[in-house]
C-alpha atoms as a PDB file:
ATOM      1  CA  MET A   1    -126.091  45.263 -25.297  1.00  0.00           C
ATOM      2  CA  LYS A   2    -126.475  48.849 -24.458  1.00  0.00           C
ATOM      3  CA  LYS A   3    -129.076  47.974 -21.834  1.00  0.00           C
ATOM      4  CA  GLU A   4    -126.601  45.643 -20.175  1.00  0.00           C
ATOM      5  CA  ASP A   5    -123.869  48.300 -20.192  1.00  0.00           C
ATOM      6  CA  SER A   6    -126.087  50.926 -18.581  1.00  0.00           C
ATOM      7  CA  GLU A   7    -127.143  48.354 -15.937  1.00  0.00           C
ATOM      8  CA  ILE A   8    -123.478  47.679 -15.144  1.00  0.00           C
ATOM      9  CA  LEU A   9    -122.728  51.364 -14.986  1.00  0.00           C
ATOM     10  CA  SER A  10    -125.561  51.990 -12.572  1.00  0.00           C
ATOM     11  CA  LYS A  11    -124.429  49.123 -10.324  1.00  0.00           C
ATOM     12  CA  ILE A  12    -120.741  50.062 -10.274  1.00  0.00           C
ATOM     13  CA  GLY A  13    -120.795  53.757 -10.922  1.00  0.00           C
ATOM     14  CA  LYS A  14    -118.431  55.932 -13.003  1.00  0.00           C
ATOM     15  CA  GLN A  15    -115.842  56.709 -10.265  1.00  0.00           C
ATOM     16  CA  THR A  16    -112.504  55.096 -10.683  1.00  0.00           C
ATOM     17  CA  GLY A  17    -111.553  55.117  -7.056  1.00  0.00           C
ATOM     18  CA  PHE A  18    -108.451  57.175  -7.558  1.00  0.00           C
ATOM     19  CA  LYS A  19    -108.331  60.603  -5.992  1.00  0.00           C
ATOM     20  CA  VAL A  20    -105.670  63.165  -5.664  1.00  0.00           C
ATOM     21  CA  PRO A  21    -105.331  64.906  -2.335  1.00  0.00           C
ATOM     22  CA  ASP A  22    -106.482  68.490  -2.100  1.00  0.00           C
ATOM     23  CA  GLY A  23    -103.834  71.086  -3.076  1.00  0.00           C
ATOM     24  CA  TYR A  24    -101.460  68.381  -4.311  1.00  0.00           C
ATOM     25  CA  PHE A  25    -100.679  70.152  -7.597  1.00  0.00           C
ATOM     26  CA  ALA A  26    -100.626  73.608  -6.048  1.00  0.00           C
ATOM     27  CA  ASP A  27     -97.136  73.401  -4.523  1.00  0.00           C
ATOM     28  CA  PHE A  28     -95.970  70.235  -6.447  1.00  0.00           C
ATOM     29  CA  ALA A  29     -93.072  72.085  -8.216  1.00  0.00           C
ATOM     30  CA  LYS A  30     -91.839  73.553  -4.943  1.00  0.00           C
ATOM     31  CA  LYS A  31     -91.829  70.251  -3.196  1.00  0.00           C
ATOM     32  CA  MET A  32     -90.055  68.466  -6.143  1.00  0.00           C
ATOM     33  CA  THR A  33     -87.213  71.029  -6.244  1.00  0.00           C
ATOM     34  CA  GLU A  34     -86.760  70.783  -2.434  1.00  0.00           C
ATOM     35  CA  SER A  35     -86.508  66.952  -2.574  1.00  0.00           C
ATOM     36  CA  LEU A  36     -83.882  66.994  -5.394  1.00  0.00           C
ATOM     37  CA  PRO A  37     -80.185  67.205  -4.387  1.00  0.00           C
ATOM     38  CA  ASP A  38     -78.218  70.149  -5.378  1.00  0.00           C
ATOM     39  CA  ARG A  39     -76.154  69.568  -8.500  1.00  0.00           C
ATOM     40  CA  GLU A  40     -72.988  71.356  -9.541  1.00  0.00           C
ATOM     41  CA  PHE A  41     -72.483  72.006 -13.217  1.00  0.00           C
ATOM     42  CA  GLU A  42     -69.082  71.928 -14.735  1.00  0.00           C
ATOM     43  CA  GLN A  43     -68.037  74.945 -16.749  1.00  0.00           C
ATOM     44  CA  GLU A  44     -67.898  74.481 -20.473  1.00  0.00           C
ATOM     45  CA  VAL A  45     -64.383  74.004 -21.795  1.00  0.00           C
ATOM     46  CA  LYS A  46     -63.469  76.533 -24.470  1.00  0.00           C
ATOM     47  CA  PRO A  47     -62.056  74.794 -27.500  1.00  0.00           C
ATOM     48  CA  THR A  48     -58.474  75.528 -28.337  1.00  0.00           C
ATOM     49  CA  LEU A  49     -56.832  75.987 -31.736  1.00  0.00           C
ATOM     50  CA  TRP A  50     -55.818  72.269 -31.704  1.00  0.00           C
ATOM     51  CA  HIS A  51     -59.476  71.249 -31.374  1.00  0.00           C
ATOM     52  CA  HIS A  52     -60.297  73.182 -34.573  1.00  0.00           C
ATOM     53  CA  VAL A  53     -57.220  72.118 -36.583  1.00  0.00           C
ATOM     54  CA  ARG A  54     -57.052  68.538 -35.433  1.00  0.00           C
ATOM     55  CA  PRO A  55     -59.479  66.961 -38.077  1.00  0.00           C
ATOM     56  CA  TRP A  56     -57.596  68.780 -40.931  1.00  0.00           C
ATOM     57  CA  ILE A  57     -54.250  67.420 -39.667  1.00  0.00           C
ATOM     58  CA  TYR A  58     -55.639  63.913 -39.439  1.00  0.00           C
ATOM     59  CA  MET A  59     -57.013  64.126 -42.931  1.00  0.00           C
ATOM     60  CA  ALA A  60     -53.669  65.508 -44.322  1.00  0.00           C
ATOM     61  CA  ALA A  61     -51.823  62.665 -42.594  1.00  0.00           C
ATOM     62  CA  MET A  62     -54.274  60.158 -44.128  1.00  0.00           C
ATOM     63  CA  PHE A  63     -53.679  61.532 -47.637  1.00  0.00           C
ATOM     64  CA  GLY A  64     -49.937  61.619 -47.061  1.00  0.00           C
ATOM     65  CA  GLY A  65     -50.070  57.972 -46.080  1.00  0.00           C
ATOM     66  CA  ILE A  66     -52.001  57.052 -49.118  1.00  0.00           C
ATOM     67  CA  TRP A  67     -49.552  59.002 -51.349  1.00  0.00           C
ATOM     68  CA  CYS A  68     -46.627  57.170 -49.677  1.00  0.00           C
ATOM     69  CA  MET A  69     -48.278  53.814 -50.334  1.00  0.00           C
ATOM     70  CA  MET A  70     -49.026  54.588 -53.938  1.00  0.00           C
ATOM     71  CA  HIS A  71     -45.357  55.815 -54.452  1.00  0.00           C
ATOM     72  CA  LEU A  72     -44.127  52.628 -52.893  1.00  0.00           C
ATOM     73  CA  PHE A  73     -46.316  50.322 -55.014  1.00  0.00           C
ATOM     74  CA  THR A  74     -45.501  52.117 -58.319  1.00  0.00           C
ATOM     75  CA  ASP A  75     -41.783  52.143 -57.441  1.00  0.00           C
ATOM     76  CA  MET A  76     -42.078  48.398 -56.740  1.00  0.00           C
ATOM     77  CA  ARG A  77     -43.706  47.873 -60.166  1.00  0.00           C
ATOM     78  CA  ASP A  78     -41.284  50.000 -62.086  1.00  0.00           C
ATOM     79  CA  ASN A  79     -38.177  48.302 -60.550  1.00  0.00           C
ATOM     80  CA  ASN A  80     -39.383  44.738 -60.733  1.00  0.00           C
ATOM     81  CA  PRO A  81     -36.527  42.684 -62.126  1.00  0.00           C
ATOM     82  CA  TYR A  82     -38.881  39.947 -63.305  1.00  0.00           C
ATOM     83  CA  TYR A  83     -40.972  42.267 -65.481  1.00  0.00           C
ATOM     84  CA  ASN A  84     -40.221  42.043 -69.161  1.00  0.00           C
ATOM     85  CA  PRO A  85     -42.182  44.556 -71.290  1.00  0.00           C
ATOM     86  CA  SER A  86     -41.741  42.370 -74.482  1.00  0.00           C
ATOM     87  CA  ILE A  87     -43.239  39.343 -72.846  1.00  0.00           C
ATOM     88  CA  ALA A  88     -45.956  41.328 -71.234  1.00  0.00           C
ATOM     89  CA  LYS A  89     -46.904  42.690 -74.699  1.00  0.00           C
ATOM     90  CA  ALA A  90     -46.821  39.178 -76.117  1.00  0.00           C
ATOM     91  CA  PHE A  91     -49.254  37.952 -73.521  1.00  0.00           C
ATOM     92  CA  ASN A  92     -51.852  40.380 -75.039  1.00  0.00           C
ATOM     93  CA  ASN A  93     -52.010  38.241 -78.113  1.00  0.00           C
ATOM     94  CA  GLU A  94     -54.428  35.285 -77.735  1.00  0.00           C
ATOM     95  CA  SER A  95     -52.902  33.136 -80.437  1.00  0.00           C
ATOM     96  CA  PHE A  96     -49.551  33.402 -78.743  1.00  0.00           C
ATOM     97  CA  VAL A  97     -50.846  32.371 -75.429  1.00  0.00           C
ATOM     98  CA  ASP A  98     -52.783  29.505 -77.017  1.00  0.00           C
ATOM     99  CA  ASP A  99     -49.728  28.236 -78.923  1.00  0.00           C
ATOM    100  CA  PHE A 100     -47.056  28.487 -76.193  1.00  0.00           C
ATOM    101  CA  VAL A 101     -48.402  28.813 -72.815  1.00  0.00           C
ATOM    102  CA  LEU A 102     -51.351  26.572 -72.809  1.00  0.00           C
ATOM    103  CA  THR A 103     -49.451  23.657 -74.507  1.00  0.00           C
ATOM    104  CA  GLY A 104     -46.705  23.922 -71.908  1.00  0.00           C
ATOM    105  CA  ASP A 105     -43.880  22.754 -74.197  1.00  0.00           C
ATOM    106  CA  PHE A 106     -41.865  25.866 -74.927  1.00  0.00           C
ATOM    107  CA  ASN A 107     -38.532  27.253 -73.921  1.00  0.00           C
ATOM    108  CA  GLU A 108     -37.025  30.772 -73.874  1.00  0.00           C
ATOM    109  CA  TYR A 109     -35.516  30.405 -77.367  1.00  0.00           C
ATOM    110  CA  ASP A 110     -38.926  29.472 -78.865  1.00  0.00           C
ATOM    111  CA  LEU A 111     -40.558  32.286 -77.020  1.00  0.00           C
ATOM    112  CA  LEU A 112     -38.051  34.947 -78.360  1.00  0.00           C
ATOM    113  CA  GLN A 113     -38.277  33.479 -81.951  1.00  0.00           C
ATOM    114  CA  GLN A 114     -42.038  33.774 -81.858  1.00  0.00           C
ATOM    115  CA  LEU A 115     -41.848  37.304 -80.549  1.00  0.00           C
ATOM    116  CA  CYS A 116     -39.632  38.249 -83.431  1.00  0.00           C
ATOM    117  CA  GLU A 117     -41.901  36.535 -85.951  1.00  0.00           C
ATOM    118  CA  ASP A 118     -44.837  38.490 -84.539  1.00  0.00           C
ATOM    119  CA  SER A 119     -42.830  41.712 -85.085  1.00  0.00           C
ATOM    120  CA  VAL A 120     -42.663  42.419 -81.325  1.00  0.00           C
ATOM    121  CA  GLU A 121     -39.610  44.651 -80.714  1.00  0.00           C
ATOM    122  CA  ILE A 122     -37.163  43.143 -78.342  1.00  0.00           C
ATOM    123  CA  SER A 123     -34.265  45.124 -77.066  1.00  0.00           C
ATOM    124  CA  ASP A 124     -30.927  43.592 -76.252  1.00  0.00           C
ATOM    125  CA  GLU A 125     -31.390  44.691 -72.620  1.00  0.00           C
ATOM    126  CA  ASP A 126     -34.420  42.482 -72.417  1.00  0.00           C
ATOM    127  CA  ILE A 127     -32.446  39.437 -73.578  1.00  0.00           C
ATOM    128  CA  PHE A 128     -29.406  40.142 -71.491  1.00  0.00           C
ATOM    129  CA  ASN A 129     -31.291  41.028 -68.301  1.00  0.00           C
ATOM    130  CA  ASP A 130     -33.137  37.745 -68.549  1.00  0.00           C
ATOM    131  CA  SER A 131     -29.997  35.629 -69.053  1.00  0.00           C
ATOM    132  CA  ILE A 132     -28.202  37.356 -66.136  1.00  0.00           C
ATOM    133  CA  LYS A 133     -30.926  36.407 -63.613  1.00  0.00           C
END
């Protein structure tokens, strides 16, 4: 195989056929800069105080918005007229849930009676607030 390669090289030669004109790279940089158009550079804008403070202001506004949302949601939870702490406490008891809620046949009187039997403290406000609604 090497013999065939050497025969091909002797027939064709090692010259690629590409040549660079004489002195082409001697003044290449000069010709390139002459052919490029003149370019004007804009002066760098000096940052103002607002550019430095702006990210901190945005972050403070974001945390302020989060605080307002949390305040709104907790205020809604605390002032919910349908929230009864006695009933909420009763729903933590699995047997209560199984006996009354899952069977589906209970009324408010049965509910209050069962809460009293389970020693869940019920205030008069809980009973009167529910009857007013």
